[in-house]
Protein backbone atom coordinates (compact mmCIF):
# COMPACT_ATOMS: atom_id res chain seq x y z
CA MET A 1 1.23 -43.94 153.26
CA THR A 2 2.85 -46.10 150.55
CA LEU A 3 6.50 -45.17 150.61
CA ASP A 4 8.32 -48.00 148.84
CA PRO A 5 10.70 -49.81 151.20
CA ARG A 6 12.21 -51.85 148.35
CA VAL A 7 14.61 -49.27 147.08
CA VAL A 8 18.35 -49.15 146.61
CA PRO A 9 20.65 -46.68 148.38
CA GLU A 10 21.16 -43.49 146.46
CA PRO A 11 24.50 -43.11 144.74
CA ASP A 12 27.15 -40.69 145.91
CA THR A 13 26.50 -37.83 143.52
CA SER A 14 27.50 -35.01 145.81
CA THR A 15 29.61 -32.33 144.17
CA GLY A 16 32.28 -29.96 145.37
CA LEU A 17 33.10 -26.51 144.09
CA SER A 18 36.67 -25.90 143.00
CA ARG A 19 39.36 -24.66 145.34
CA ALA A 20 42.29 -22.41 144.70
CA PRO A 21 44.98 -24.97 143.76
CA GLY A 22 47.74 -23.02 145.44
CA ASP A 23 46.07 -22.92 148.83
CA VAL A 24 47.46 -25.88 150.72
CA GLY A 25 45.20 -25.38 153.71
CA SER A 26 42.11 -26.17 151.67
CA LEU A 27 43.46 -29.19 149.82
CA ASP A 28 41.28 -32.24 149.44
CA PRO A 29 42.70 -35.23 147.52
CA GLU A 30 39.52 -35.48 145.46
CA ALA A 31 39.83 -31.84 144.43
CA VAL A 32 43.44 -31.94 143.24
CA ASN A 33 42.84 -32.88 139.61
CA ALA A 34 44.47 -32.40 136.28
CA SER A 35 43.40 -28.78 136.13
CA ALA A 36 45.56 -28.10 139.16
CA ALA A 37 48.70 -29.50 137.57
CA PRO A 38 51.51 -27.01 136.90
CA PRO A 39 52.27 -25.86 133.34
CA PRO A 40 54.48 -28.26 131.32
CA GLY A 41 57.59 -26.14 131.77
CA GLU A 42 57.21 -26.09 135.55
CA ARG A 43 56.35 -29.71 136.25
CA SER A 44 58.20 -31.52 138.99
CA PRO A 45 59.26 -35.13 138.52
CA ARG A 46 56.36 -37.36 139.47
CA PRO A 47 57.24 -40.03 142.01
CA GLN A 48 56.53 -43.67 141.23
CA ARG A 49 54.68 -46.12 143.44
CA GLY A 50 57.18 -47.50 145.95
CA ASP A 51 59.51 -44.47 145.79
CA GLU A 52 60.92 -43.17 149.08
CA LEU A 53 60.86 -39.40 149.49
CA GLU A 54 62.10 -36.93 152.07
CA LEU A 55 59.32 -34.41 152.57
CA GLN A 56 58.61 -31.30 154.63
CA ILE A 57 55.00 -31.21 155.84
CA ASP A 58 53.38 -27.80 155.49
CA SER A 59 49.76 -28.32 156.60
CA LEU A 60 46.93 -30.78 157.04
CA ALA A 61 44.49 -31.68 154.28
CA PHE A 62 40.82 -32.50 154.67
CA GLY A 63 40.95 -36.15 155.63
CA GLY A 64 43.81 -35.67 158.09
CA GLU A 65 46.87 -36.35 155.91
CA GLY A 66 49.88 -34.09 155.97
CA VAL A 67 50.55 -32.01 152.84
CA ALA A 68 53.96 -31.65 151.17
CA ARG A 69 55.02 -30.31 147.78
CA LEU A 70 57.76 -31.50 145.45
CA GLY A 71 59.99 -29.11 143.54
CA ASP A 72 59.20 -25.75 142.05
CA GLY A 73 56.13 -27.09 140.28
CA GLY A 74 54.43 -27.88 143.56
CA TYR A 75 53.45 -31.50 142.91
CA VAL A 76 51.32 -32.39 145.94
CA VAL A 77 51.99 -35.41 148.15
CA PHE A 78 49.50 -36.33 150.87
CA VAL A 79 51.30 -38.10 153.70
CA ALA A 80 49.60 -40.31 156.26
CA GLY A 81 51.16 -40.29 159.71
CA ALA A 82 52.62 -36.79 159.40
CA VAL A 83 51.67 -33.42 160.89
CA PRO A 84 52.66 -29.84 159.99
CA GLY A 85 56.30 -29.13 160.82
CA ASP A 86 57.46 -32.74 160.41
CA ARG A 87 60.25 -33.69 158.04
CA VAL A 88 59.64 -37.30 157.11
CA ARG A 89 60.77 -40.17 154.97
CA ALA A 90 57.69 -41.49 153.21
CA VAL A 91 56.85 -44.28 150.77
CA VAL A 92 54.49 -43.56 147.86
CA HIS A 93 51.63 -46.05 147.65
CA LYS A 94 49.35 -44.30 145.14
CA ARG A 95 50.19 -41.91 142.33
CA LYS A 96 47.94 -39.70 140.21
CA ARG A 97 48.76 -37.11 137.55
CA SER A 98 48.73 -34.13 139.91
CA TYR A 99 49.15 -35.66 143.36
CA ALA A 100 50.29 -38.76 145.21
CA HIS A 101 49.57 -40.50 148.50
CA ALA A 102 52.37 -41.71 150.75
CA ARG A 103 52.80 -43.01 154.28
CA ALA A 104 55.47 -41.79 156.65
CA VAL A 105 57.92 -44.54 157.60
CA GLU A 106 60.35 -42.39 159.59
CA ILE A 107 60.13 -39.02 161.33
CA LEU A 108 63.44 -37.36 160.43
CA GLU A 109 62.71 -34.13 162.30
CA PRO A 110 59.58 -33.94 164.46
CA SER A 111 57.26 -30.97 164.41
CA PRO A 112 57.51 -28.69 167.45
CA GLU A 113 53.83 -29.51 168.04
CA ARG A 114 54.32 -33.28 168.01
CA ILE A 115 53.78 -35.09 171.32
CA ALA A 116 54.44 -38.71 172.31
CA PRO A 117 51.73 -41.13 171.17
CA ARG A 118 49.71 -42.98 173.78
CA ALA A 119 48.17 -45.76 171.66
CA ASP A 120 50.26 -48.31 169.78
CA HIS A 121 47.58 -49.14 167.22
CA PRO A 122 46.08 -47.52 164.08
CA GLY A 123 42.87 -45.50 164.15
CA VAL A 124 44.15 -42.53 166.18
CA PRO A 125 46.41 -40.59 163.76
CA TRP A 126 46.03 -37.24 165.54
CA GLN A 127 47.11 -38.53 168.95
CA VAL A 128 50.51 -36.89 168.28
CA LEU A 129 48.86 -33.45 168.44
CA PRO A 130 47.81 -31.82 171.73
CA TYR A 131 44.04 -32.07 172.10
CA GLU A 132 43.58 -28.29 172.16
CA ARG A 133 45.40 -28.14 168.82
CA GLN A 134 43.14 -30.84 167.40
CA LEU A 135 40.11 -28.72 168.28
CA GLU A 136 41.64 -25.62 166.68
CA ILE A 137 42.37 -27.47 163.45
CA LYS A 138 38.91 -29.04 163.25
CA ARG A 139 37.15 -25.72 163.76
CA ALA A 140 39.43 -24.07 161.19
CA GLN A 141 38.79 -26.82 158.65
CA VAL A 142 35.02 -26.46 159.02
CA ASP A 143 35.41 -22.72 158.43
CA ASP A 144 37.76 -23.29 155.49
CA ALA A 145 35.43 -25.81 153.85
CA LEU A 146 32.43 -23.49 154.06
CA ARG A 147 34.32 -20.45 152.76
CA ARG A 148 36.51 -22.04 150.10
CA ILE A 149 34.40 -24.95 148.88
CA GLY A 150 31.01 -23.39 149.43
CA ARG A 151 32.06 -19.76 148.80
CA LEU A 152 29.96 -18.90 151.83
CA ASP A 153 30.33 -16.02 154.29
CA GLY A 154 28.26 -13.99 156.72
CA PHE A 155 27.57 -16.98 158.97
CA GLU A 156 28.48 -17.36 162.64
CA LEU A 157 30.99 -20.12 163.30
CA GLN A 158 30.46 -21.01 166.93
CA GLU A 159 33.04 -22.53 169.23
CA ILE A 160 33.60 -26.27 168.86
CA VAL A 161 32.06 -28.51 171.53
CA PRO A 162 34.99 -30.49 173.01
CA ALA A 163 34.72 -34.19 173.73
CA LEU A 164 33.84 -35.31 177.23
CA GLU A 165 36.27 -38.22 176.94
CA GLN A 166 39.40 -38.13 174.78
CA TRP A 167 39.99 -41.90 175.00
CA ARG A 168 37.80 -45.03 175.27
CA TYR A 169 34.80 -43.20 173.90
CA ARG A 170 33.52 -45.42 171.08
CA ASN A 171 30.44 -47.60 171.54
CA LYS A 172 31.13 -49.62 168.38
CA LEU A 173 34.34 -50.98 166.87
CA GLU A 174 34.80 -53.16 163.81
CA TYR A 175 37.94 -55.27 163.96
CA SER A 176 39.44 -57.32 161.14
CA PHE A 177 40.95 -60.77 161.31
CA GLY A 178 44.28 -61.31 159.60
CA ALA A 179 47.58 -63.14 159.85
CA ASP A 180 50.90 -62.02 161.29
CA SER A 181 54.28 -62.56 159.62
CA ASP A 182 54.39 -66.12 160.99
CA GLY A 183 50.88 -66.93 159.78
CA GLY A 184 49.32 -66.70 163.23
CA LEU A 185 45.76 -65.41 163.60
CA VAL A 186 45.41 -61.78 164.72
CA CYS A 187 42.49 -59.42 165.25
CA GLY A 188 42.94 -55.67 164.98
CA PHE A 189 42.83 -52.70 162.62
CA HIS A 190 44.03 -52.39 159.06
CA ALA A 191 47.43 -50.79 158.70
CA PRO A 192 47.02 -47.24 157.34
CA ALA A 193 47.78 -45.79 153.94
CA GLY A 194 47.99 -48.62 151.48
CA ALA A 195 49.58 -51.26 153.71
CA ASN A 196 47.62 -54.46 153.06
CA SER A 197 47.86 -56.01 156.52
CA VAL A 198 46.05 -56.18 159.85
CA VAL A 199 47.83 -54.74 162.88
CA PRO A 200 47.17 -56.78 166.04
CA ILE A 201 45.89 -54.94 169.09
CA GLU A 202 46.63 -55.65 172.73
CA ASP A 203 44.64 -52.78 174.26
CA CYS A 204 42.43 -50.66 172.01
CA LEU A 205 42.31 -47.21 173.61
CA LEU A 206 39.12 -46.35 171.71
CA ALA A 207 37.25 -49.18 173.43
CA SER A 208 36.29 -49.75 177.05
CA GLU A 209 38.02 -52.40 179.12
CA GLN A 210 34.99 -54.68 178.70
CA GLY A 211 35.02 -54.14 174.94
CA ASN A 212 38.69 -55.16 174.86
CA LEU A 213 37.90 -58.24 176.93
CA ALA A 214 35.25 -59.24 174.39
CA ARG A 215 37.75 -58.96 171.51
CA GLU A 216 40.44 -60.85 173.39
CA THR A 217 38.01 -63.63 174.31
CA ALA A 218 36.77 -64.04 170.75
CA LEU A 219 40.33 -64.12 169.36
CA ARG A 220 41.47 -66.64 171.95
CA TRP A 221 38.53 -68.90 171.07
CA CYS A 222 39.20 -68.61 167.31
CA ARG A 223 42.85 -69.52 167.81
CA ALA A 224 41.92 -72.52 169.95
CA GLU A 225 39.58 -73.68 167.19
CA GLY A 226 42.37 -73.39 164.62
CA LEU A 227 40.36 -71.03 162.43
CA THR A 228 41.87 -69.06 159.54
CA ALA A 229 41.47 -65.44 158.45
CA TRP A 230 39.91 -64.56 155.11
CA GLU A 231 42.43 -63.35 152.54
CA ARG A 232 41.21 -59.93 151.43
CA SER A 233 43.19 -59.65 148.21
CA PRO A 234 45.33 -62.16 146.37
CA ARG A 235 49.05 -61.65 146.49
CA ARG A 236 50.60 -60.39 143.28
CA SER A 237 53.74 -61.40 141.47
CA GLY A 238 56.42 -58.91 140.58
CA GLY A 239 54.78 -58.34 137.21
CA GLY A 240 51.46 -57.47 138.78
CA GLN A 241 49.83 -60.85 138.07
CA GLU A 242 47.59 -62.20 140.77
CA ILE A 243 48.95 -65.30 142.48
CA ILE A 244 46.14 -67.80 143.12
CA GLU A 245 47.27 -70.19 145.81
CA GLU A 246 45.84 -73.59 146.74
CA GLU A 247 43.46 -73.60 143.81
CA GLY A 248 40.76 -76.17 144.47
CA ASP A 249 39.48 -78.74 141.98
CA ASP A 250 36.32 -76.72 141.29
CA GLN A 251 38.35 -73.67 140.37
CA SER A 252 40.67 -75.66 138.10
CA GLU A 253 37.72 -77.21 136.32
CA LEU A 254 36.02 -73.85 135.82
CA ARG A 255 39.18 -72.35 134.38
CA ALA A 256 39.70 -75.31 132.04
CA ALA A 257 36.04 -75.33 130.96
CA GLY A 258 36.22 -71.67 130.00
CA GLU A 259 39.33 -72.21 127.94
CA ARG A 260 37.88 -75.28 126.19
CA ALA A 261 34.50 -73.69 125.50
CA SER A 262 35.70 -70.55 123.83
CA GLY A 263 39.29 -71.11 122.95
CA SER A 264 39.75 -67.38 123.60
CA ARG A 265 41.99 -65.89 126.23
CA PRO A 266 39.44 -63.18 127.27
CA ALA A 267 36.79 -65.83 127.94
CA ALA A 268 39.29 -67.91 129.85
CA ARG A 269 40.27 -64.90 131.91
CA ARG A 270 36.63 -64.14 132.68
CA ASP A 271 36.06 -67.70 133.82
CA ALA A 272 39.23 -67.58 135.86
CA ARG A 273 38.09 -64.39 137.58
CA ARG A 274 34.69 -65.94 138.25
CA ALA A 275 36.29 -69.04 139.67
CA GLU A 276 38.61 -66.93 141.78
CA ARG A 277 35.69 -64.99 143.20
CA VAL A 278 33.87 -68.20 144.12
CA GLY A 279 36.98 -69.41 145.87
CA ARG A 280 37.63 -66.19 147.71
CA VAL A 281 34.19 -65.85 149.28
CA GLY A 282 33.77 -69.53 150.00
CA PRO A 283 34.87 -71.56 153.02
CA HIS A 284 38.30 -72.97 153.76
CA SER A 285 39.29 -76.21 152.03
CA ASP A 286 38.34 -78.06 155.24
CA GLY A 287 34.77 -76.72 154.97
CA ARG A 288 35.05 -74.32 157.88
CA ALA A 289 34.25 -70.63 157.64
CA LEU A 290 37.03 -68.09 157.15
CA LEU A 291 37.12 -65.21 159.63
CA ARG A 292 36.47 -61.70 158.28
CA ASN A 293 35.50 -59.28 161.08
CA LEU A 294 34.48 -58.94 164.69
CA VAL A 295 31.98 -56.21 165.58
CA VAL A 296 31.84 -55.21 169.25
CA ARG A 297 29.00 -52.88 170.19
CA GLU A 298 28.51 -51.53 173.70
CA GLY A 299 25.63 -49.82 175.41
CA ARG A 300 27.51 -47.08 177.22
CA ARG A 301 24.51 -46.36 179.46
CA SER A 302 23.19 -49.91 179.78
CA GLY A 303 26.60 -51.56 180.18
CA GLN A 304 25.56 -54.34 177.77
CA LEU A 305 27.68 -55.78 174.94
CA GLN A 306 26.61 -57.14 171.56
CA ILE A 307 29.15 -59.27 169.69
CA ARG A 308 28.85 -60.14 165.98
CA ILE A 309 31.32 -62.33 164.14
CA VAL A 310 31.47 -61.99 160.35
CA THR A 311 32.77 -64.90 158.25
CA THR A 312 32.57 -66.43 154.81
CA ASP A 313 30.22 -69.35 154.23
CA GLY A 314 31.25 -72.52 155.99
CA GLU A 315 31.01 -74.31 159.29
CA LEU A 316 31.46 -72.51 162.63
CA ASP A 317 30.67 -73.68 166.14
CA ALA A 318 29.06 -70.35 166.98
CA GLY A 319 27.39 -71.76 170.07
CA SER A 320 30.77 -72.55 171.56
CA LEU A 321 31.95 -68.99 170.83
CA ALA A 322 28.85 -67.62 172.56
CA GLN A 323 29.56 -69.79 175.60
CA ALA A 324 33.14 -68.51 175.79
CA LEU A 325 31.93 -64.91 175.59
CA SER A 326 29.25 -65.55 178.21
CA ASP A 327 31.80 -67.09 180.57
CA ALA A 328 34.09 -64.05 180.19
CA LEU A 329 31.52 -61.23 180.19
CA GLY A 330 28.77 -62.65 182.38
CA GLU A 331 25.61 -60.59 182.62
CA ARG A 332 27.11 -57.81 180.51
CA LEU A 333 26.71 -59.92 177.37
CA SER A 334 23.48 -58.97 175.61
CA GLY A 335 23.72 -61.04 172.45
CA VAL A 336 25.96 -62.94 170.04
CA LEU A 337 25.29 -62.95 166.31
CA TRP A 338 26.89 -64.61 163.28
CA THR A 339 26.95 -63.00 159.83
CA ARG A 340 27.95 -64.98 156.73
CA SER A 341 29.07 -62.64 153.97
CA ARG A 342 29.74 -63.36 150.30
CA SER A 343 30.98 -59.87 149.53
CA LEU A 344 34.48 -59.19 148.22
CA ALA A 345 34.29 -55.70 149.75
CA GLU A 346 35.70 -54.88 153.17
CA THR A 347 32.34 -54.43 154.88
CA THR A 348 30.41 -55.86 157.80
CA ALA A 349 27.07 -54.85 156.26
CA GLY A 350 24.81 -57.25 154.42
CA GLY A 351 25.08 -61.01 154.37
CA ASP A 352 22.95 -63.47 156.32
CA THR A 353 22.85 -62.79 160.06
CA GLU A 354 21.48 -65.17 162.68
CA LEU A 355 21.09 -64.79 166.41
CA VAL A 356 23.26 -67.33 168.21
CA TRP A 357 22.68 -66.37 171.83
CA GLY A 358 20.76 -63.78 173.86
CA GLU A 359 18.97 -60.80 172.33
CA ALA A 360 19.23 -59.54 168.75
CA GLU A 361 18.87 -55.90 169.84
CA LEU A 362 21.22 -54.03 172.14
CA PRO A 363 19.51 -52.09 174.96
CA GLU A 364 20.74 -48.54 175.42
CA ARG A 365 19.70 -45.13 176.69
CA LEU A 366 20.28 -41.79 175.00
CA GLY A 367 19.23 -38.87 177.15
CA GLU A 368 15.70 -39.73 178.24
CA LEU A 369 15.17 -42.27 175.46
CA ASP A 370 15.02 -46.02 176.07
CA LEU A 371 16.37 -47.63 172.87
CA ARG A 372 16.91 -51.05 171.29
CA ILE A 373 19.54 -51.12 168.53
CA SER A 374 19.53 -53.71 165.74
CA PRO A 375 22.91 -55.15 164.66
CA GLU A 376 23.25 -53.11 161.46
CA ALA A 377 21.26 -50.02 162.46
CA PHE A 378 23.16 -46.72 162.51
CA PHE A 379 23.74 -45.23 165.95
CA GLN A 380 26.18 -42.43 166.76
CA THR A 381 29.38 -44.13 167.89
CA ASN A 382 30.03 -41.69 170.75
CA THR A 383 26.99 -41.90 173.01
CA GLU A 384 27.95 -39.15 175.44
CA MET A 385 28.76 -36.68 172.65
CA ALA A 386 25.63 -37.64 170.71
CA GLU A 387 23.62 -36.25 173.60
CA LEU A 388 25.47 -32.93 173.31
CA LEU A 389 25.14 -32.99 169.51
CA TYR A 390 21.37 -33.36 169.81
CA GLU A 391 21.24 -30.49 172.27
CA VAL A 392 22.63 -28.30 169.47
CA VAL A 393 19.99 -29.71 167.09
CA VAL A 394 17.25 -28.87 169.59
CA GLU A 395 18.63 -25.34 169.98
CA TYR A 396 18.85 -24.73 166.22
CA ALA A 397 15.40 -26.22 165.52
CA ALA A 398 13.91 -23.72 168.02
CA LEU A 399 10.56 -25.51 168.11
CA GLU A 400 7.57 -23.87 169.79
CA GLY A 401 5.24 -26.87 169.82
CA TRP A 402 3.13 -26.33 166.69
CA GLU A 403 5.57 -27.06 163.85
CA ARG A 404 5.49 -29.86 161.31
CA VAL A 405 8.99 -31.37 161.33
CA TYR A 406 10.60 -33.74 158.83
CA ASP A 407 13.62 -35.84 159.81
CA LEU A 408 15.44 -37.21 156.77
CA TYR A 409 17.80 -40.18 157.12
CA SER A 410 16.18 -40.69 160.50
CA GLY A 411 17.95 -43.97 161.36
CA ILE A 412 16.57 -45.53 164.54
CA GLY A 413 14.82 -42.25 165.31
CA THR A 414 17.08 -40.69 167.91
CA ILE A 415 16.88 -37.12 166.55
CA ALA A 416 13.18 -37.40 165.71
CA LEU A 417 12.25 -38.78 169.13
CA THR A 418 14.35 -36.11 170.83
CA LEU A 419 12.44 -33.40 168.96
CA ALA A 420 8.98 -34.99 168.94
CA SER A 421 7.78 -33.70 172.30
CA ARG A 422 8.63 -30.16 171.19
CA ALA A 423 6.89 -30.37 167.77
CA GLY A 424 3.30 -30.42 166.61
CA GLU A 425 3.94 -33.43 164.37
CA LEU A 426 7.05 -35.22 163.22
CA TRP A 427 7.71 -37.43 160.20
CA GLY A 428 10.83 -39.53 159.70
CA ILE A 429 12.12 -41.12 156.49
CA GLU A 430 14.80 -43.82 156.52
CA LEU A 431 15.95 -46.28 153.87
CA VAL A 432 16.89 -49.21 156.15
CA GLN A 433 13.75 -51.08 157.15
CA GLU A 434 15.30 -52.58 160.30
CA ALA A 435 16.16 -49.08 161.53
CA VAL A 436 12.60 -47.92 160.83
CA ALA A 437 11.27 -50.85 162.87
CA ASP A 438 13.62 -49.86 165.71
CA ALA A 439 12.35 -46.25 165.53
CA ILE A 440 8.68 -47.25 165.58
CA ALA A 441 9.28 -49.59 168.52
CA ALA A 442 11.18 -46.85 170.37
CA ALA A 443 8.33 -44.39 169.91
CA ARG A 444 5.93 -46.91 171.44
CA ARG A 445 8.30 -47.91 174.22
CA ASN A 446 8.89 -44.28 175.20
CA GLU A 447 5.19 -43.40 174.76
CA ILE A 448 5.92 -40.57 172.32
CA PRO A 449 2.87 -39.63 170.24
CA GLY A 450 2.75 -37.52 167.09
CA VAL A 451 5.70 -39.14 165.33
CA GLN A 452 5.57 -41.43 162.31
CA PHE A 453 8.40 -43.25 160.54
CA PHE A 454 8.46 -44.64 157.01
CA ALA A 455 10.88 -46.76 155.02
CA GLY A 456 11.79 -45.15 151.74
CA ASP A 457 14.44 -43.55 149.58
CA THR A 458 14.53 -39.84 150.41
CA ARG A 459 14.89 -38.96 146.72
CA LEU A 460 11.53 -40.53 146.00
CA ALA A 461 9.72 -40.39 149.33
CA LEU A 462 10.15 -36.73 150.24
CA GLY A 463 7.94 -35.44 147.44
CA GLU A 464 5.23 -37.94 148.26
CA LEU A 465 5.38 -37.05 151.94
CA VAL A 466 4.93 -33.36 151.15
CA GLU A 467 1.83 -34.18 149.07
CA ARG A 468 0.31 -36.27 151.86
CA ALA A 469 1.37 -34.47 155.04
CA GLY A 470 1.98 -30.91 153.85
CA ARG A 471 5.13 -28.80 153.68
CA PRO A 472 7.44 -28.93 156.69
CA ASP A 473 8.09 -25.92 158.85
CA VAL A 474 11.41 -27.37 159.99
CA LEU A 475 13.46 -29.99 158.17
CA VAL A 476 16.29 -31.88 159.89
CA VAL A 477 18.72 -33.84 157.75
CA ASP A 478 21.56 -36.11 158.91
CA PRO A 479 22.94 -37.64 155.69
CA PRO A 480 25.80 -40.10 155.17
CA ARG A 481 29.37 -38.85 154.74
CA ALA A 482 28.80 -38.33 151.00
CA GLY A 483 26.25 -35.62 151.79
CA LEU A 484 23.06 -34.93 149.84
CA SER A 485 22.72 -35.81 146.19
CA GLN A 486 21.59 -33.15 143.74
CA LYS A 487 18.16 -34.77 143.57
CA VAL A 488 17.66 -34.70 147.35
CA VAL A 489 18.71 -31.04 147.46
CA ARG A 490 16.11 -30.29 144.78
CA ARG A 491 13.44 -32.15 146.76
CA ILE A 492 14.29 -30.13 149.87
CA ILE A 493 14.09 -26.90 147.89
CA GLU A 494 10.69 -27.98 146.54
CA ALA A 495 9.51 -28.81 150.08
CA SER A 496 10.43 -25.23 151.07
CA PRO A 497 10.88 -25.55 154.85
CA LYS A 498 11.29 -22.30 156.79
CA ARG A 499 14.25 -23.72 158.69
CA ILE A 500 16.79 -26.45 157.85
CA VAL A 501 18.97 -28.06 160.50
CA TYR A 502 21.78 -29.94 158.73
CA VAL A 503 23.78 -32.44 160.82
CA SER A 504 27.00 -33.27 158.98
CA CYS A 505 29.88 -35.66 159.57
CA ASN A 506 31.83 -34.19 156.64
CA PRO A 507 32.29 -30.42 156.20
CA THR A 508 33.52 -30.90 152.63
CA THR A 509 30.10 -32.23 151.59
CA LEU A 510 28.14 -29.91 153.89
CA ALA A 511 29.74 -26.93 152.13
CA PRO A 512 28.46 -27.54 148.57
CA ASN A 513 25.05 -28.62 149.88
CA ALA A 514 24.78 -25.44 151.95
CA ALA A 515 25.89 -23.39 148.93
CA GLN A 516 23.15 -24.94 146.80
CA LEU A 517 20.53 -24.10 149.43
CA VAL A 518 21.84 -20.55 149.83
CA GLU A 519 21.65 -20.09 146.06
CA ALA A 520 18.02 -21.26 146.25
CA GLY A 521 17.09 -18.62 148.82
CA TRP A 522 18.12 -19.86 152.27
CA VAL A 523 20.59 -18.06 154.51
CA LEU A 524 23.33 -19.91 156.41
CA ARG A 525 22.95 -18.45 159.91
CA LYS A 526 25.33 -20.41 162.11
CA VAL A 527 27.40 -23.56 162.35
CA ARG A 528 28.65 -25.39 165.43
CA PRO A 529 31.35 -28.08 165.22
CA VAL A 530 31.16 -30.95 167.71
CA ASP A 531 34.16 -33.18 168.40
CA MET A 532 32.70 -36.69 168.38
CA PHE A 533 36.00 -38.38 167.48
CA PRO A 534 39.09 -37.22 169.42
CA GLN A 535 42.51 -38.31 168.10
CA THR A 536 41.14 -38.43 164.53
CA HIS A 537 40.46 -35.86 161.79
CA HIS A 538 36.71 -36.51 161.84
CA VAL A 539 34.43 -33.71 162.99
CA GLU A 540 30.67 -33.44 163.24
CA CYS A 541 28.88 -30.13 162.86
CA VAL A 542 25.37 -28.71 162.90
CA ALA A 543 24.35 -25.95 160.51
CA LEU A 544 21.25 -23.76 160.61
CA LEU A 545 19.78 -22.39 157.37
CA GLU A 546 16.69 -20.18 157.31
CA ARG A 547 14.62 -19.22 154.31
CA GLY A 548 15.38 -15.64 153.34
């Protein structure tokens, strides 16, 4: 089979159907557009960036922010760090024509539902709500998304599967390096809602004790080495001009050359921006790498840890870091890797990664599967709940042993390998070649026959697979948060499976995709939310659609 592995990721072209603008409970920041603005005579004063507002929070939006309205016109403000019933003082950090985003800086009157927080770090915004209330809201938001965005009804919304652990449940955490107010090196999470800083962490309550030890050890080593954090965005002057500090000779020469060559300010500005980019992704002036991120991945079943440090180009004594981690973690350390990234984006993906110490793949078990996970391969970040999630997939697939099953966006093959023993044949398609290699190796390691994996873009590969292997009886799809593009939906419709099992991490993209499939002749039978991420707004769900 000649599925082309040299393809680019498909763009986010998912669409959403319009919502009733007056219904706060269904608000999504991306859906509040100019058409939702009040008539000219009823408009409320629009706040400016930096304004402080006193706001009463009415509900929660998709995405987890509190929702408030200004004046009689109902100008919408989405407020991070607030829950329904709160009265808050908030600072606006982003303003659009018909809505704004703000972050709460003071709780003036707490909601009756608000409870004392347990964690003192970002990343757990819903910890101020009782867990039972979190589950209620998540289930209600799945229902609301399907009915209001997708205009769907007649389906069974099953009870949400609660998390087995409400804290210390993540098997992967990506930390950022930054500087504190005194310039000291810190490692933690980005401050929420427009605050351009990194909040240091003493004890991350999403990570295990061993995962915290790994972060602390790496930070201690970096401080001892005198390393510096990468500056994510240049500081700006009061007039909005970017302040370029410590401009090196190469940058000065590039700027001057551009001005001399063209004599035009636009050309000079282009050269200046190019020079700035070179400086920002390059090493420190002393030649050493600048620190970007620390990725700590843990095999919850194996007890092993994989540590990856992400930097700019430059020198780094990565062997010494590996030795420090080995001394601290002992036999629990599986591998240490170093990624050099030239991207301006806040991402740990891409770049050049080398193995510094140990194994490049993290050993782990999921149910009965013996797995090896590559550094950048996708793996559900809550291992224990992934097992329960896949039990729902198995139930909805309802395989009898003869079916041809397709698994789209198959990743390292966890869903496909879970289903393979129950199917007649199983075919997986995944864009990331390293993940496909992991899946093929896992099938061999676990001695699972009748399953084949291919690297390819689902938009292009699905049609070819249907021609070569035949139409699927059951199709399982687990897309990224952006959902399925229009083209992929069309390819699924053309493949015409009898049953579709849709695993979604975003109900607001599941809803329009499900609506498109229903319009094409499938029936949405049932949906089951699964709480993979306690203390956050995120919710996973599994939907079953059958051809009518």
